[in-house]
Amino acid sequence: MAITKKSEIKIEVGLDENKIPEALRWTAADGGVNNAEAKAMLLSVWDHKTQEALRIDLWTKDMPLDEMKLFFYQTLSAMSDTFHRATGDEKMQATMKDFCAYFAEKMEIEVPE
């Protein structure tokens, strides 16, 4: 199958003198996002040659702890949905959702119903 279109996602990281992130901005024109501010990001890509996940985990130094906990909860929950879409494994999705509920409880995160 030939590639008929390309899409670009751009991430800009502003660093302080110690190379600690102070600002994150991202653009995804096809998604309607243009130079939007972010406080944290987690990016994983799969390298099929080495059979490993490569990651970039960044957050700004002013990212509040309560927001970081919520960010992780939402990311874990979204990963369970993505896992289900990718594999069709409902049993493991339910197990992952159970862990997300446990995580929210231990982190004292209020989860909307």
PDB file of N, CA and C in Angstrom:
ATOM      1  N   MET A   1       0.846  -1.173   0.000  1.00  0.00           N
ATOM      2  CA  MET A   1       0.000   0.000   0.000  1.00  0.00           C
ATOM      3  C   MET A   1       0.891   1.236   0.000  1.00  0.00           C
ATOM      4  N   ALA A   2       0.628   2.149  -0.893  1.00  0.00           N
ATOM      5  CA  ALA A   2       1.455   3.347  -1.034  1.00  0.00           C
ATOM      6  C   ALA A   2       0.995   4.438  -0.072  1.00  0.00           C
ATOM      7  N   ILE A   3       1.953   5.173   0.428  1.00  0.00           N
ATOM      8  CA  ILE A   3       1.636   6.333   1.272  1.00  0.00           C
ATOM      9  C   ILE A   3       1.103   7.433   0.369  1.00  0.00           C
ATOM     10  N   THR A   4      -0.092   7.920   0.691  1.00  0.00           N
ATOM     11  CA  THR A   4      -0.708   8.957  -0.131  1.00  0.00           C
ATOM     12  C   THR A   4      -0.717  10.315   0.542  1.00  0.00           C
ATOM     13  N   LYS A   5      -0.447  10.340   1.827  1.00  0.00           N
ATOM     14  CA  LYS A   5      -0.452  11.599   2.569  1.00  0.00           C
ATOM     15  C   LYS A   5       0.476  11.465   3.760  1.00  0.00           C
ATOM     16  N   LYS A   6       1.051  12.569   4.166  1.00  0.00           N
ATOM     17  CA  LYS A   6       1.871  12.590   5.368  1.00  0.00           C
ATOM     18  C   LYS A   6       1.289  13.605   6.327  1.00  0.00           C
ATOM     19  N   SER A   7       1.461  13.318   7.611  1.00  0.00           N
ATOM     20  CA  SER A   7       0.998  14.204   8.668  1.00  0.00           C
ATOM     21  C   SER A   7       2.151  14.393   9.638  1.00  0.00           C
ATOM     22  N   GLU A   8       2.263  15.592  10.181  1.00  0.00           N
ATOM     23  CA  GLU A   8       3.373  15.884  11.076  1.00  0.00           C
ATOM     24  C   GLU A   8       2.858  16.320  12.443  1.00  0.00           C
ATOM     25  N   ILE A   9       3.511  15.813  13.473  1.00  0.00           N
ATOM     26  CA  ILE A   9       3.269  16.257  14.840  1.00  0.00           C
ATOM     27  C   ILE A   9       4.580  16.855  15.325  1.00  0.00           C
ATOM     28  N   LYS A  10       4.506  18.087  15.797  1.00  0.00           N
ATOM     29  CA  LYS A  10       5.713  18.801  16.223  1.00  0.00           C
ATOM     30  C   LYS A  10       5.644  19.062  17.725  1.00  0.00           C
ATOM     31  N   ILE A  11       6.745  18.785  18.421  1.00  0.00           N
ATOM     32  CA  ILE A  11       6.846  19.033  19.854  1.00  0.00           C
ATOM     33  C   ILE A  11       8.042  19.950  20.077  1.00  0.00           C
ATOM     34  N   GLU A  12       7.780  21.047  20.780  1.00  0.00           N
ATOM     35  CA  GLU A  12       8.850  22.001  21.094  1.00  0.00           C
ATOM     36  C   GLU A  12       9.042  22.032  22.604  1.00  0.00           C
ATOM     37  N   VAL A  13      10.293  21.872  23.031  1.00  0.00           N
ATOM     38  CA  VAL A  13      10.622  21.843  24.457  1.00  0.00           C
ATOM     39  C   VAL A  13      11.538  23.029  24.766  1.00  0.00           C
ATOM     40  N   GLY A  14      11.082  23.902  25.664  1.00  0.00           N
ATOM     41  CA  GLY A  14      11.900  25.010  26.130  1.00  0.00           C
ATOM     42  C   GLY A  14      12.626  24.596  27.396  1.00  0.00           C
ATOM     43  N   LEU A  15      13.947  24.709  27.390  1.00  0.00           N
ATOM     44  CA  LEU A  15      14.771  24.239  28.500  1.00  0.00           C
ATOM     45  C   LEU A  15      15.413  25.403  29.252  1.00  0.00           C
ATOM     46  N   ASP A  16      15.650  25.192  30.553  1.00  0.00           N
ATOM     47  CA  ASP A  16      16.397  26.185  31.310  1.00  0.00           C
ATOM     48  C   ASP A  16      17.898  25.917  31.135  1.00  0.00           C
ATOM     49  N   GLU A  17      18.733  26.646  31.859  1.00  0.00           N
ATOM     50  CA  GLU A  17      20.185  26.512  31.721  1.00  0.00           C
ATOM     51  C   GLU A  17      20.695  25.130  32.125  1.00  0.00           C
ATOM     52  N   ASN A  18      19.914  24.383  32.919  1.00  0.00           N
ATOM     53  CA  ASN A  18      20.289  23.027  33.327  1.00  0.00           C
ATOM     54  C   ASN A  18      19.613  21.948  32.479  1.00  0.00           C
ATOM     55  N   LYS A  19      19.018  22.363  31.365  1.00  0.00           N
ATOM     56  CA  LYS A  19      18.331  21.473  30.427  1.00  0.00           C
ATOM     57  C   LYS A  19      17.111  20.798  31.061  1.00  0.00           C
ATOM     58  N   ILE A  20      16.457  21.496  31.996  1.00  0.00           N
ATOM     59  CA  ILE A  20      15.210  21.040  32.610  1.00  0.00           C
ATOM     60  C   ILE A  20      14.064  21.708  31.845  1.00  0.00           C
ATOM     61  N   PRO A  21      13.051  20.938  31.427  1.00  0.00           N
ATOM     62  CA  PRO A  21      11.946  21.539  30.671  1.00  0.00           C
ATOM     63  C   PRO A  21      11.209  22.627  31.463  1.00  0.00           C
ATOM     64  N   GLU A  22      11.067  23.766  30.846  1.00  0.00           N
ATOM     65  CA  GLU A  22      10.292  24.878  31.408  1.00  0.00           C
ATOM     66  C   GLU A  22       8.998  25.080  30.637  1.00  0.00           C
ATOM     67  N   ALA A  23       8.999  24.688  29.369  1.00  0.00           N
ATOM     68  CA  ALA A  23       7.815  24.889  28.529  1.00  0.00           C
ATOM     69  C   ALA A  23       7.709  23.758  27.510  1.00  0.00           C
ATOM     70  N   LEU A  24       6.489  23.300  27.303  1.00  0.00           N
ATOM     71  CA  LEU A  24       6.195  22.312  26.263  1.00  0.00           C
ATOM     72  C   LEU A  24       5.098  22.882  25.382  1.00  0.00           C
ATOM     73  N   ARG A  25       5.291  22.777  24.077  1.00  0.00           N
ATOM     74  CA  ARG A  25       4.275  23.213  23.128  1.00  0.00           C
ATOM     75  C   ARG A  25       4.218  22.161  22.029  1.00  0.00           C
ATOM     76  N   TRP A  26       3.012  21.974  21.486  1.00  0.00           N
ATOM     77  CA  TRP A  26       2.883  20.983  20.426  1.00  0.00           C
ATOM     78  C   TRP A  26       1.921  21.453  19.353  1.00  0.00           C
ATOM     79  N   THR A  27       2.165  20.944  18.151  1.00  0.00           N
ATOM     80  CA  THR A  27       1.354  21.279  16.992  1.00  0.00           C
ATOM     81  C   THR A  27       1.023  19.988  16.249  1.00  0.00           C
ATOM     82  N   ALA A  28      -0.239  19.840  15.903  1.00  0.00           N
ATOM     83  CA  ALA A  28      -0.708  18.735  15.057  1.00  0.00           C
ATOM     84  C   ALA A  28      -1.773  19.338  14.145  1.00  0.00           C
ATOM     85  N   ALA A  29      -1.328  19.906  13.042  1.00  0.00           N
ATOM     86  CA  ALA A  29      -2.220  20.670  12.162  1.00  0.00           C
ATOM     87  C   ALA A  29      -3.435  19.855  11.729  1.00  0.00           C
ATOM     88  N   ASP A  30      -3.246  18.580  11.411  1.00  0.00           N
ATOM     89  CA  ASP A  30      -4.382  17.748  10.985  1.00  0.00           C
ATOM     90  C   ASP A  30      -5.397  17.545  12.093  1.00  0.00           C
ATOM     91  N   GLY A  31      -4.974  17.706  13.341  1.00  0.00           N
ATOM     92  CA  GLY A  31      -5.872  17.567  14.484  1.00  0.00           C
ATOM     93  C   GLY A  31      -6.388  18.899  14.993  1.00  0.00           C
ATOM     94  N   GLY A  32      -6.025  19.974  14.322  1.00  0.00           N
ATOM     95  CA  GLY A  32      -6.490  21.296  14.727  1.00  0.00           C
ATOM     96  C   GLY A  32      -5.752  21.880  15.919  1.00  0.00           C
ATOM     97  N   VAL A  33      -4.565  21.355  16.215  1.00  0.00           N
ATOM     98  CA  VAL A  33      -3.775  21.856  17.343  1.00  0.00           C
ATOM     99  C   VAL A  33      -2.629  22.689  16.781  1.00  0.00           C
ATOM    100  N   ASN A  34      -2.512  23.922  17.284  1.00  0.00           N
ATOM    101  CA  ASN A  34      -1.459  24.803  16.794  1.00  0.00           C
ATOM    102  C   ASN A  34      -0.722  25.463  17.958  1.00  0.00           C
ATOM    103  N   ASN A  35       0.489  25.005  18.198  1.00  0.00           N
ATOM    104  CA  ASN A  35       1.362  25.582  19.215  1.00  0.00           C
ATOM    105  C   ASN A  35       0.690  25.627  20.595  1.00  0.00           C
ATOM    106  N   ALA A  36       0.027  24.541  20.958  1.00  0.00           N
ATOM    107  CA  ALA A  36      -0.696  24.463  22.232  1.00  0.00           C
ATOM    108  C   ALA A  36       0.274  24.170  23.377  1.00  0.00           C
ATOM    109  N   GLU A  37      -0.012  24.792  24.515  1.00  0.00           N
ATOM    110  CA  GLU A  37       0.806  24.581  25.700  1.00  0.00           C
ATOM    111  C   GLU A  37       0.449  23.247  26.351  1.00  0.00           C
ATOM    112  N   ALA A  38       1.458  22.597  26.911  1.00  0.00           N
ATOM    113  CA  ALA A  38       1.270  21.367  27.683  1.00  0.00           C
ATOM    114  C   ALA A  38       2.211  21.436  28.878  1.00  0.00           C
ATOM    115  N   LYS A  39       1.887  20.701  29.918  1.00  0.00           N
ATOM    116  CA  LYS A  39       2.740  20.645  31.109  1.00  0.00           C
ATOM    117  C   LYS A  39       3.490  19.320  31.214  1.00  0.00           C
ATOM    118  N   ALA A  40       3.013  18.295  30.491  1.00  0.00           N
ATOM    119  CA  ALA A  40       3.675  16.993  30.537  1.00  0.00           C
ATOM    120  C   ALA A  40       3.355  16.222  29.268  1.00  0.00           C
ATOM    121  N   MET A  41       4.220  15.250  28.954  1.00  0.00           N
ATOM    122  CA  MET A  41       3.982  14.378  27.808  1.00  0.00           C
ATOM    123  C   MET A  41       4.685  13.044  28.017  1.00  0.00           C
ATOM    124  N   LEU A  42       4.065  12.016  27.508  1.00  0.00           N
ATOM    125  CA  LEU A  42       4.650  10.682  27.481  1.00  0.00           C
ATOM    126  C   LEU A  42       4.544  10.202  26.037  1.00  0.00           C
ATOM    127  N   LEU A  43       5.651   9.841  25.440  1.00  0.00           N
ATOM    128  CA  LEU A  43       5.659   9.382  24.059  1.00  0.00           C
ATOM    129  C   LEU A  43       6.367   8.041  24.005  1.00  0.00           C
ATOM    130  N   SER A  44       5.704   7.056  23.436  1.00  0.00           N
ATOM    131  CA  SER A  44       6.315   5.742  23.246  1.00  0.00           C
ATOM    132  C   SER A  44       6.238   5.379  21.776  1.00  0.00           C
ATOM    133  N   VAL A  45       7.326   4.861  21.260  1.00  0.00           N
ATOM    134  CA  VAL A  45       7.344   4.339  19.890  1.00  0.00           C
ATOM    135  C   VAL A  45       7.913   2.925  19.936  1.00  0.00           C
ATOM    136  N   TRP A  46       7.404   2.066  19.072  1.00  0.00           N
ATOM    137  CA  TRP A  46       7.837   0.676  19.045  1.00  0.00           C
ATOM    138  C   TRP A  46       8.889   0.487  17.969  1.00  0.00           C
ATOM    139  N   ASP A  47      10.059   0.006  18.362  1.00  0.00           N
ATOM    140  CA  ASP A  47      11.130  -0.321  17.424  1.00  0.00           C
ATOM    141  C   ASP A  47      11.035  -1.821  17.150  1.00  0.00           C
ATOM    142  N   HIS A  48      10.496  -2.162  15.982  1.00  0.00           N
ATOM    143  CA  HIS A  48      10.272  -3.583  15.692  1.00  0.00           C
ATOM    144  C   HIS A  48      11.577  -4.338  15.461  1.00  0.00           C
ATOM    145  N   LYS A  49      12.625  -3.640  15.096  1.00  0.00           N
ATOM    146  CA  LYS A  49      13.909  -4.321  14.865  1.00  0.00           C
ATOM    147  C   LYS A  49      14.529  -4.790  16.173  1.00  0.00           C
ATOM    148  N   THR A  50      14.477  -3.930  17.200  1.00  0.00           N
ATOM    149  CA  THR A  50      15.069  -4.296  18.491  1.00  0.00           C
ATOM    150  C   THR A  50      14.043  -4.874  19.454  1.00  0.00           C
ATOM    151  N   GLN A  51      12.754  -4.867  19.034  1.00  0.00           N
ATOM    152  CA  GLN A  51      11.666  -5.386  19.862  1.00  0.00           C
ATOM    153  C   GLN A  51      11.618  -4.692  21.224  1.00  0.00           C
ATOM    154  N   GLU A  52      11.660  -3.338  21.181  1.00  0.00           N
ATOM    155  CA  GLU A  52      11.573  -2.596  22.432  1.00  0.00           C
ATOM    156  C   GLU A  52      10.837  -1.275  22.231  1.00  0.00           C
ATOM    157  N   ALA A  53      10.234  -0.826  23.323  1.00  0.00           N
ATOM    158  CA  ALA A  53       9.565   0.468  23.334  1.00  0.00           C
ATOM    159  C   ALA A  53      10.603   1.538  23.670  1.00  0.00           C
ATOM    160  N   LEU A  54      10.614   2.583  22.877  1.00  0.00           N
ATOM    161  CA  LEU A  54      11.489   3.720  23.117  1.00  0.00           C
ATOM    162  C   LEU A  54      10.610   4.845  23.630  1.00  0.00           C
ATOM    163  N   ARG A  55      11.079   5.560  24.651  1.00  0.00           N
ATOM    164  CA  ARG A  55      10.206   6.521  25.322  1.00  0.00           C
ATOM    165  C   ARG A  55      10.850   7.879  25.486  1.00  0.00           C
ATOM    166  N   ILE A  56       9.989   8.889  25.508  1.00  0.00           N
ATOM    167  CA  ILE A  56      10.352  10.234  25.929  1.00  0.00           C
ATOM    168  C   ILE A  56       9.303  10.637  26.955  1.00  0.00           C
ATOM    169  N   ASP A  57       9.730  10.885  28.172  1.00  0.00           N
ATOM    170  CA  ASP A  57       8.844  11.315  29.254  1.00  0.00           C
ATOM    171  C   ASP A  57       9.331  12.684  29.720  1.00  0.00           C
ATOM    172  N   LEU A  58       8.507  13.696  29.531  1.00  0.00           N
ATOM    173  CA  LEU A  58       8.891  15.052  29.910  1.00  0.00           C
ATOM    174  C   LEU A  58       7.763  15.729  30.665  1.00  0.00           C
ATOM    175  N   TRP A  59       8.137  16.573  31.621  1.00  0.00           N
ATOM    176  CA  TRP A  59       7.169  17.424  32.288  1.00  0.00           C
ATOM    177  C   TRP A  59       7.888  18.698  32.701  1.00  0.00           C
ATOM    178  N   THR A  60       7.144  19.780  32.735  1.00  0.00           N
ATOM    179  CA  THR A  60       7.737  21.050  33.115  1.00  0.00           C
ATOM    180  C   THR A  60       7.931  21.088  34.621  1.00  0.00           C
ATOM    181  N   LYS A  61       8.880  21.902  35.054  1.00  0.00           N
ATOM    182  CA  LYS A  61       9.168  21.944  36.487  1.00  0.00           C
ATOM    183  C   LYS A  61       8.049  22.563  37.302  1.00  0.00           C
ATOM    184  N   ASP A  62       7.087  23.214  36.638  1.00  0.00           N
ATOM    185  CA  ASP A  62       5.950  23.771  37.381  1.00  0.00           C
ATOM    186  C   ASP A  62       4.694  22.902  37.267  1.00  0.00           C
ATOM    187  N   MET A  63       4.863  21.643  36.820  1.00  0.00           N
ATOM    188  CA  MET A  63       3.732  20.715  36.758  1.00  0.00           C
ATOM    189  C   MET A  63       3.318  20.362  38.179  1.00  0.00           C
ATOM    190  N   PRO A  64       2.085  20.701  38.591  1.00  0.00           N
ATOM    191  CA  PRO A  64       1.637  20.391  39.957  1.00  0.00           C
ATOM    192  C   PRO A  64       1.508  18.882  40.187  1.00  0.00           C
ATOM    193  N   LEU A  65       1.834  18.442  41.388  1.00  0.00           N
ATOM    194  CA  LEU A  65       1.793  17.023  41.725  1.00  0.00           C
ATOM    195  C   LEU A  65       0.394  16.435  41.549  1.00  0.00           C
ATOM    196  N   ASP A  66      -0.641  17.153  41.958  1.00  0.00           N
ATOM    197  CA  ASP A  66      -1.996  16.612  41.815  1.00  0.00           C
ATOM    198  C   ASP A  66      -2.363  16.445  40.345  1.00  0.00           C
ATOM    199  N   GLU A  67      -1.894  17.348  39.481  1.00  0.00           N
ATOM    200  CA  GLU A  67      -2.155  17.205  38.050  1.00  0.00           C
ATOM    201  C   GLU A  67      -1.356  16.050  37.460  1.00  0.00           C
ATOM    202  N   MET A  68      -0.125  15.822  37.979  1.00  0.00           N
ATOM    203  CA  MET A  68       0.681  14.694  37.494  1.00  0.00           C
ATOM    204  C   MET A  68      -0.011  13.374  37.831  1.00  0.00           C
ATOM    205  N   LYS A  69      -0.569  13.265  39.028  1.00  0.00           N
ATOM    206  CA  LYS A  69      -1.286  12.049  39.414  1.00  0.00           C
ATOM    207  C   LYS A  69      -2.489  11.828  38.507  1.00  0.00           C
ATOM    208  N   LEU A  70      -3.247  12.881  38.231  1.00  0.00           N
ATOM    209  CA  LEU A  70      -4.410  12.778  37.342  1.00  0.00           C
ATOM    210  C   LEU A  70      -3.976  12.437  35.924  1.00  0.00           C
ATOM    211  N   PHE A  71      -2.890  13.039  35.460  1.00  0.00           N
ATOM    212  CA  PHE A  71      -2.342  12.752  34.133  1.00  0.00           C
ATOM    213  C   PHE A  71      -2.004  11.266  34.006  1.00  0.00           C
ATOM    214  N   PHE A  72      -1.342  10.715  35.025  1.00  0.00           N
ATOM    215  CA  PHE A  72      -1.001   9.295  34.986  1.00  0.00           C
ATOM    216  C   PHE A  72      -2.258   8.428  35.013  1.00  0.00           C
ATOM    217  N   TYR A  73      -3.219   8.765  35.857  1.00  0.00           N
ATOM    218  CA  TYR A  73      -4.462   7.996  35.905  1.00  0.00           C
ATOM    219  C   TYR A  73      -5.130   7.989  34.529  1.00  0.00           C
ATOM    220  N   GLN A  74      -5.274   9.158  33.928  1.00  0.00           N
ATOM    221  CA  GLN A  74      -5.941   9.250  32.621  1.00  0.00           C
ATOM    222  C   GLN A  74      -5.150   8.514  31.542  1.00  0.00           C
ATOM    223  N   THR A  75      -3.823   8.577  31.619  1.00  0.00           N
ATOM    224  CA  THR A  75      -2.986   7.884  30.639  1.00  0.00           C
ATOM    225  C   THR A  75      -3.127   6.374  30.784  1.00  0.00           C
ATOM    226  N   LEU A  76      -3.084   5.878  32.018  1.00  0.00           N
ATOM    227  CA  LEU A  76      -3.248   4.440  32.239  1.00  0.00           C
ATOM    228  C   LEU A  76      -4.620   3.962  31.776  1.00  0.00           C
ATOM    229  N   SER A  77      -5.642   4.738  32.063  1.00  0.00           N
ATOM    230  CA  SER A  77      -7.000   4.383  31.649  1.00  0.00           C
ATOM    231  C   SER A  77      -7.112   4.358  30.124  1.00  0.00           C
ATOM    232  N   ALA A  78      -6.544   5.359  29.475  1.00  0.00           N
ATOM    233  CA  ALA A  78      -6.561   5.395  28.009  1.00  0.00           C
ATOM    234  C   ALA A  78      -5.785   4.228  27.413  1.00  0.00           C
ATOM    235  N   MET A  79      -4.685   3.847  28.070  1.00  0.00           N
ATOM    236  CA  MET A  79      -3.907   2.705  27.576  1.00  0.00           C
ATOM    237  C   MET A  79      -4.719   1.416  27.636  1.00  0.00           C
ATOM    238  N   SER A  80      -5.564   1.261  28.650  1.00  0.00           N
ATOM    239  CA  SER A  80      -6.389   0.053  28.723  1.00  0.00           C
ATOM    240  C   SER A  80      -7.382   0.021  27.559  1.00  0.00           C
ATOM    241  N   ASP A  81      -7.927   1.183  27.198  1.00  0.00           N
ATOM    242  CA  ASP A  81      -8.842   1.252  26.053  1.00  0.00           C
ATOM    243  C   ASP A  81      -8.100   0.966  24.747  1.00  0.00           C
ATOM    244  N   THR A  82      -6.906   1.533  24.608  1.00  0.00           N
ATOM    245  CA  THR A  82      -6.102   1.300  23.411  1.00  0.00           C
ATOM    246  C   THR A  82      -5.720  -0.163  23.301  1.00  0.00           C
ATOM    247  N   PHE A  83      -5.338  -0.768  24.439  1.00  0.00           N
ATOM    248  CA  PHE A  83      -4.987  -2.183  24.445  1.00  0.00           C
ATOM    249  C   PHE A  83      -6.165  -3.025  23.955  1.00  0.00           C
ATOM    250  N   HIS A  84      -7.364  -2.691  24.426  1.00  0.00           N
ATOM    251  CA  HIS A  84      -8.555  -3.432  24.006  1.00  0.00           C
ATOM    252  C   HIS A  84      -8.802  -3.273  22.500  1.00  0.00           C
ATOM    253  N   ARG A  85      -8.688  -2.041  21.993  1.00  0.00           N
ATOM    254  CA  ARG A  85      -8.892  -1.821  20.552  1.00  0.00           C
ATOM    255  C   ARG A  85      -7.850  -2.572  19.725  1.00  0.00           C
ATOM    256  N   ALA A  86      -6.614  -2.649  20.229  1.00  0.00           N
ATOM    257  CA  ALA A  86      -5.536  -3.286  19.481  1.00  0.00           C
ATOM    258  C   ALA A  86      -5.592  -4.809  19.535  1.00  0.00           C
ATOM    259  N   THR A  87      -6.098  -5.362  20.654  1.00  0.00           N
ATOM    260  CA  THR A  87      -6.035  -6.814  20.843  1.00  0.00           C
ATOM    261  C   THR A  87      -7.399  -7.493  20.926  1.00  0.00           C
ATOM    262  N   GLY A  88      -8.425  -6.724  21.278  1.00  0.00           N
ATOM    263  CA  GLY A  88      -9.744  -7.320  21.485  1.00  0.00           C
ATOM    264  C   GLY A  88      -9.856  -8.079  22.806  1.00  0.00           C
ATOM    265  N   ASP A  89      -8.859  -7.993  23.653  1.00  0.00           N
ATOM    266  CA  ASP A  89      -8.821  -8.746  24.906  1.00  0.00           C
ATOM    267  C   ASP A  89      -9.596  -8.005  25.995  1.00  0.00           C
ATOM    268  N   GLU A  90     -10.867  -8.359  26.150  1.00  0.00           N
ATOM    269  CA  GLU A  90     -11.737  -7.688  27.128  1.00  0.00           C
ATOM    270  C   GLU A  90     -11.366  -8.031  28.568  1.00  0.00           C
ATOM    271  N   LYS A  91     -10.931  -9.259  28.789  1.00  0.00           N
ATOM    272  CA  LYS A  91     -10.577  -9.685  30.146  1.00  0.00           C
ATOM    273  C   LYS A  91      -9.389  -8.875  30.676  1.00  0.00           C
ATOM    274  N   MET A  92      -8.364  -8.704  29.843  1.00  0.00           N
ATOM    275  CA  MET A  92      -7.205  -7.938  30.285  1.00  0.00           C
ATOM    276  C   MET A  92      -7.554  -6.456  30.407  1.00  0.00           C
ATOM    277  N   GLN A  93      -8.419  -5.956  29.547  1.00  0.00           N
ATOM    278  CA  GLN A  93      -8.850  -4.565  29.680  1.00  0.00           C
ATOM    279  C   GLN A  93      -9.533  -4.353  31.032  1.00  0.00           C
ATOM    280  N   ALA A  94     -10.379  -5.280  31.418  1.00  0.00           N
ATOM    281  CA  ALA A  94     -11.064  -5.174  32.711  1.00  0.00           C
ATOM    282  C   ALA A  94     -10.058  -5.205  33.860  1.00  0.00           C
ATOM    283  N   THR A  95      -9.044  -6.062  33.746  1.00  0.00           N
ATOM    284  CA  THR A  95      -7.998  -6.132  34.765  1.00  0.00           C
ATOM    285  C   THR A  95      -7.242  -4.810  34.847  1.00  0.00           C
ATOM    286  N   MET A  96      -6.932  -4.238  33.697  1.00  0.00           N
ATOM    287  CA  MET A  96      -6.231  -2.950  33.662  1.00  0.00           C
ATOM    288  C   MET A  96      -7.106  -1.847  34.257  1.00  0.00           C
ATOM    289  N   LYS A  97      -8.406  -1.867  33.958  1.00  0.00           N
ATOM    290  CA  LYS A  97      -9.323  -0.866  34.520  1.00  0.00           C
ATOM    291  C   LYS A  97      -9.404  -1.012  36.045  1.00  0.00           C
ATOM    292  N   ASP A  98      -9.367  -2.259  36.526  1.00  0.00           N
ATOM    293  CA  ASP A  98      -9.353  -2.489  37.978  1.00  0.00           C
ATOM    294  C   ASP A  98      -8.112  -1.845  38.598  1.00  0.00           C
ATOM    295  N   PHE A  99      -6.971  -1.993  37.926  1.00  0.00           N
ATOM    296  CA  PHE A  99      -5.753  -1.365  38.437  1.00  0.00           C
ATOM    297  C   PHE A  99      -5.894   0.160  38.429  1.00  0.00           C
ATOM    298  N   CYS A 100      -6.504   0.708  37.380  1.00  0.00           N
ATOM    299  CA  CYS A 100      -6.697   2.163  37.305  1.00  0.00           C
ATOM    300  C   CYS A 100      -7.544   2.651  38.483  1.00  0.00           C
ATOM    301  N   ALA A 101      -8.584   1.899  38.824  1.00  0.00           N
ATOM    302  CA  ALA A 101      -9.426   2.266  39.963  1.00  0.00           C
ATOM    303  C   ALA A 101      -8.612   2.196  41.255  1.00  0.00           C
ATOM    304  N   TYR A 102      -7.788   1.166  41.393  1.00  0.00           N
ATOM    305  CA  TYR A 102      -6.912   1.030  42.560  1.00  0.00           C
ATOM    306  C   TYR A 102      -5.926   2.195  42.635  1.00  0.00           C
ATOM    307  N   PHE A 103      -5.333   2.531  41.487  1.00  0.00           N
ATOM    308  CA  PHE A 103      -4.392   3.650  41.412  1.00  0.00           C
ATOM    309  C   PHE A 103      -5.067   4.946  41.844  1.00  0.00           C
ATOM    310  N   ALA A 104      -6.260   5.198  41.327  1.00  0.00           N
ATOM    311  CA  ALA A 104      -6.997   6.418  41.684  1.00  0.00           C
ATOM    312  C   ALA A 104      -7.276   6.464  43.181  1.00  0.00           C
ATOM    313  N   GLU A 105      -7.663   5.326  43.742  1.00  0.00           N
ATOM    314  CA  GLU A 105      -7.945   5.270  45.179  1.00  0.00           C
ATOM    315  C   GLU A 105      -6.685   5.574  45.995  1.00  0.00           C
ATOM    316  N   LYS A 106      -5.579   4.927  45.660  1.00  0.00           N
ATOM    317  CA  LYS A 106      -4.339   5.124  46.414  1.00  0.00           C
ATOM    318  C   LYS A 106      -3.775   6.529  46.248  1.00  0.00           C
ATOM    319  N   MET A 107      -3.978   7.123  45.088  1.00  0.00           N
ATOM    320  CA  MET A 107      -3.475   8.479  44.822  1.00  0.00           C
ATOM    321  C   MET A 107      -4.483   9.552  45.254  1.00  0.00           C
ATOM    322  N   GLU A 108      -5.632   9.096  45.771  1.00  0.00           N
ATOM    323  CA  GLU A 108      -6.697   9.994  46.210  1.00  0.00           C
ATOM    324  C   GLU A 108      -7.136  10.935  45.085  1.00  0.00           C
ATOM    325  N   ILE A 109      -7.362  10.322  43.916  1.00  0.00           N
ATOM    326  CA  ILE A 109      -7.825  11.059  42.743  1.00  0.00           C
ATOM    327  C   ILE A 109      -9.330  10.900  42.653  1.00  0.00           C
ATOM    328  N   GLU A 110     -10.018  12.008  42.557  1.00  0.00           N
ATOM    329  CA  GLU A 110     -11.465  11.958  42.374  1.00  0.00           C
ATOM    330  C   GLU A 110     -11.760  11.737  40.899  1.00  0.00           C
ATOM    331  N   VAL A 111     -12.371  10.596  40.618  1.00  0.00           N
ATOM    332  CA  VAL A 111     -12.667  10.225  39.239  1.00  0.00           C
ATOM    333  C   VAL A 111     -14.138  10.495  38.965  1.00  0.00           C
ATOM    334  N   PRO A 112     -14.445  11.316  37.962  1.00  0.00           N
ATOM    335  CA  PRO A 112     -15.864  11.546  37.637  1.00  0.00           C
ATOM    336  C   PRO A 112     -16.517  10.262  37.143  1.00  0.00           C
ATOM    337  N   GLU A 113     -17.758  10.081  37.479  1.00  0.00           N
ATOM    338  CA  GLU A 113     -18.497   8.861  37.072  1.00  0.00           C
ATOM    339  C   GLU A 113     -18.817   8.903  35.602  1.00  0.00           C
TER     340      GLU A 113
END
